[in-house]
Amino acid sequence: MQPLTAATHHAWGTLRTFSDAELAGLPLSDSTAHTLQDPGLPEKIELLFTASQLALMQLPHNEQAIAFGHAWNDEYTLCITGEQVHAVYDSEVTFVNSSLPLFLTFLARASELQKAYHQAETGALEAGRYRQEVDQTMNGLRKADPPALADKAWWRGVLDDFKLV
């Protein structure tokens, strides 16, 4: 799986970065804090992600997390617990990725698939070629972060939805 490139960051448009002052006092690992500062988070990717201010939140079972964005038309809150990324809907917590950098990698690939999905819907991309692209993407992502594509994981559901062309 290729690391994120300058072209990906450019395609995302405005990136939301966080200062030392915004990170101060939050229980973040060094690698997560570094990712929030450089490259940061995309401000918005239609349907898939909207960045927010960092905020402490309480998960069920009294686990503390740091909210950093929303997904799926803002229905889900995305948060970091330790190194892991989770999605929260009401009291349901779903595993997303093993780390924030992996989340950004998956988000980049999903945003590329989203564009291809729209092309397949309009006939600009042949449906069989599109499904092949989805399968190749899922295989690459599975190698990068296997738990993120396990049954009932967040990305498994999102990427399975992309197959519905």
Protein backbone atom coordinates (compact mmCIF):
# COMPACT_ATOMS: atom_id res chain seq x y z
CA MET A 1 0.00 0.00 0.00
CA GLN A 2 1.47 3.33 -1.07
CA PRO A 3 1.88 6.00 1.61
CA LEU A 4 -0.10 9.21 1.29
CA THR A 5 1.38 11.54 -1.27
CA ALA A 6 1.46 15.28 -1.81
CA ALA A 7 -1.03 14.67 -4.64
CA THR A 8 -3.47 13.10 -2.17
CA HIS A 9 -3.11 16.04 0.19
CA HIS A 10 -3.64 18.42 -2.73
CA ALA A 11 -6.76 16.53 -3.85
CA TRP A 12 -8.17 16.86 -0.33
CA GLY A 13 -7.90 20.63 -0.48
CA THR A 14 -7.68 22.38 2.85
CA LEU A 15 -6.06 20.34 5.59
CA ARG A 16 -6.94 20.96 9.23
CA THR A 17 -3.78 20.91 11.35
CA PHE A 18 -3.56 21.19 15.11
CA SER A 19 -1.12 23.30 17.09
CA ASP A 20 0.86 22.25 20.15
CA ALA A 21 -1.57 24.31 22.25
CA GLU A 22 -4.58 22.40 20.83
CA LEU A 23 -2.88 19.07 21.59
CA ALA A 24 -1.67 20.04 25.07
CA GLY A 25 -3.12 17.90 27.82
CA LEU A 26 -4.80 15.40 25.50
CA PRO A 27 -3.87 11.75 26.00
CA LEU A 28 -2.39 11.22 22.52
CA SER A 29 0.51 9.04 21.44
CA ASP A 30 3.45 10.81 19.81
CA SER A 31 2.63 9.32 16.40
CA THR A 32 -1.03 10.41 16.61
CA ALA A 33 -0.06 13.93 17.70
CA HIS A 34 2.47 14.14 14.87
CA THR A 35 -0.17 13.04 12.32
CA LEU A 36 -2.62 15.67 13.58
CA GLN A 37 0.07 18.31 13.02
CA ASP A 38 1.54 17.01 9.76
CA PRO A 39 -0.18 16.26 7.45
CA GLY A 40 -3.30 16.99 9.51
CA LEU A 41 -6.82 15.99 8.51
CA PRO A 42 -8.84 16.87 5.41
CA GLU A 43 -11.49 19.47 6.29
CA LYS A 44 -14.22 17.55 4.45
CA ILE A 45 -14.62 14.62 2.10
CA GLU A 46 -18.21 14.31 0.94
CA LEU A 47 -20.11 11.72 2.96
CA LEU A 48 -16.94 10.07 4.30
CA PHE A 49 -15.40 12.61 6.70
CA THR A 50 -15.68 16.06 8.25
CA ALA A 51 -12.93 17.29 10.59
CA SER A 52 -13.86 18.83 13.94
CA GLN A 53 -12.16 20.39 16.90
CA LEU A 54 -10.44 17.88 19.16
CA ALA A 55 -12.59 17.10 22.19
CA LEU A 56 -12.46 14.63 25.04
CA MET A 57 -15.44 12.31 25.10
CA GLN A 58 -16.60 9.45 27.25
CA LEU A 59 -17.34 6.13 25.59
CA PRO A 60 -19.56 3.42 27.04
CA HIS A 61 -17.79 1.51 29.82
CA ASN A 62 -16.19 4.82 30.93
CA GLU A 63 -13.38 4.70 28.37
CA GLN A 64 -12.02 8.11 27.41
CA ALA A 65 -11.52 9.04 23.76
CA ILE A 66 -10.66 12.10 21.69
CA ALA A 67 -13.19 13.06 19.03
CA PHE A 68 -11.60 14.44 15.85
CA GLY A 69 -14.32 14.30 13.20
CA HIS A 70 -17.58 12.93 11.88
CA ALA A 71 -18.51 10.49 9.13
CA TRP A 72 -21.40 9.31 7.03
CA ASN A 73 -23.27 12.62 6.81
CA ASP A 74 -22.11 13.44 10.35
CA GLU A 75 -24.10 10.56 11.86
CA TYR A 76 -20.98 9.00 13.41
CA THR A 77 -18.36 10.60 15.64
CA LEU A 78 -14.82 9.46 14.91
CA CYS A 79 -12.48 9.24 17.86
CA ILE A 80 -9.08 8.02 18.96
CA THR A 81 -8.57 5.67 21.90
CA GLY A 82 -4.90 4.97 22.49
CA GLU A 83 -3.67 4.43 18.93
CA GLN A 84 -6.93 3.09 17.51
CA VAL A 85 -9.67 4.93 15.64
CA HIS A 86 -13.32 4.13 16.39
CA ALA A 87 -16.71 5.31 15.12
CA VAL A 88 -19.43 6.06 17.67
CA TYR A 89 -23.15 6.07 16.96
CA ASP A 90 -25.35 6.46 20.03
CA SER A 91 -23.81 3.93 22.43
CA GLU A 92 -22.40 1.67 19.70
CA VAL A 93 -18.61 1.79 19.24
CA THR A 94 -17.16 0.27 16.05
CA PHE A 95 -13.50 -0.36 15.27
CA VAL A 96 -12.25 1.70 12.31
CA ASN A 97 -8.44 1.48 12.09
CA SER A 98 -5.39 0.51 14.12
CA SER A 99 -3.96 4.04 13.92
CA LEU A 100 -4.71 7.54 12.66
CA PRO A 101 -2.17 7.30 9.79
CA LEU A 102 -3.90 4.10 8.63
CA PHE A 103 -7.26 5.86 8.88
CA LEU A 104 -5.96 8.56 6.54
CA THR A 105 -4.67 5.92 4.11
CA PHE A 106 -8.06 4.20 4.08
CA LEU A 107 -9.83 7.55 3.73
CA ALA A 108 -7.68 8.43 0.72
CA ARG A 109 -8.46 5.13 -1.00
CA ALA A 110 -12.16 5.37 -0.15
CA SER A 111 -12.36 8.89 -1.58
CA GLU A 112 -10.77 7.59 -4.81
CA LEU A 113 -13.35 4.77 -4.90
CA GLN A 114 -16.12 7.27 -4.29
CA LYS A 115 -15.10 9.14 -7.46
CA ALA A 116 -14.92 5.88 -9.40
CA TYR A 117 -18.35 4.91 -8.01
CA HIS A 118 -19.88 8.08 -9.46
CA GLN A 119 -18.19 7.34 -12.79
CA ALA A 120 -19.57 3.79 -12.78
CA GLU A 121 -23.06 5.07 -11.96
CA THR A 122 -23.01 7.41 -14.95
CA GLY A 123 -21.45 4.83 -17.30
CA ALA A 124 -18.15 6.70 -17.62
CA LEU A 125 -16.44 3.66 -16.04
CA GLU A 126 -17.44 0.12 -16.97
CA ALA A 127 -19.07 -1.66 -14.01
CA GLY A 128 -16.81 -4.73 -14.21
CA ARG A 129 -13.68 -2.56 -14.21
CA TYR A 130 -15.07 -0.62 -11.26
CA ARG A 131 -15.73 -3.81 -9.24
CA GLN A 132 -12.20 -4.94 -10.03
CA GLU A 133 -10.93 -1.62 -8.65
CA VAL A 134 -12.95 -2.12 -5.45
CA ASP A 135 -11.56 -5.65 -5.01
CA GLN A 136 -7.97 -4.51 -5.62
CA THR A 137 -8.39 -1.65 -3.17
CA MET A 138 -9.87 -3.93 -0.51
CA ASN A 139 -7.01 -6.42 -0.95
CA GLY A 140 -4.40 -3.70 -0.56
CA LEU A 141 -6.13 -2.21 2.47
CA ARG A 142 -6.55 -5.65 4.04
CA LYS A 143 -2.76 -6.07 3.92
CA ALA A 144 -2.21 -2.63 5.46
CA ASP A 145 -4.62 -3.05 8.41
CA PRO A 146 -6.32 -6.49 8.53
CA PRO A 147 -8.65 -5.75 11.50
CA ALA A 148 -10.11 -2.76 9.61
CA LEU A 149 -11.72 -5.12 7.09
CA ALA A 150 -12.85 -7.81 9.52
CA ASP A 151 -16.57 -8.56 9.81
CA LYS A 152 -18.43 -5.74 11.56
CA ALA A 153 -15.50 -3.29 11.23
CA TRP A 154 -16.33 0.19 9.97
CA TRP A 155 -14.43 0.08 6.67
CA ARG A 156 -15.80 -3.36 5.81
CA GLY A 157 -19.29 -1.90 5.72
CA VAL A 158 -18.25 1.23 3.86
CA LEU A 159 -16.30 -0.64 1.19
CA ASP A 160 -19.03 -3.28 0.82
CA ASP A 161 -21.42 -0.41 0.05
CA PHE A 162 -19.12 0.63 -2.80
CA LYS A 163 -19.74 -2.77 -4.42
CA LEU A 164 -23.43 -1.92 -4.92
CA VAL A 165 -23.17 -0.59 -8.48
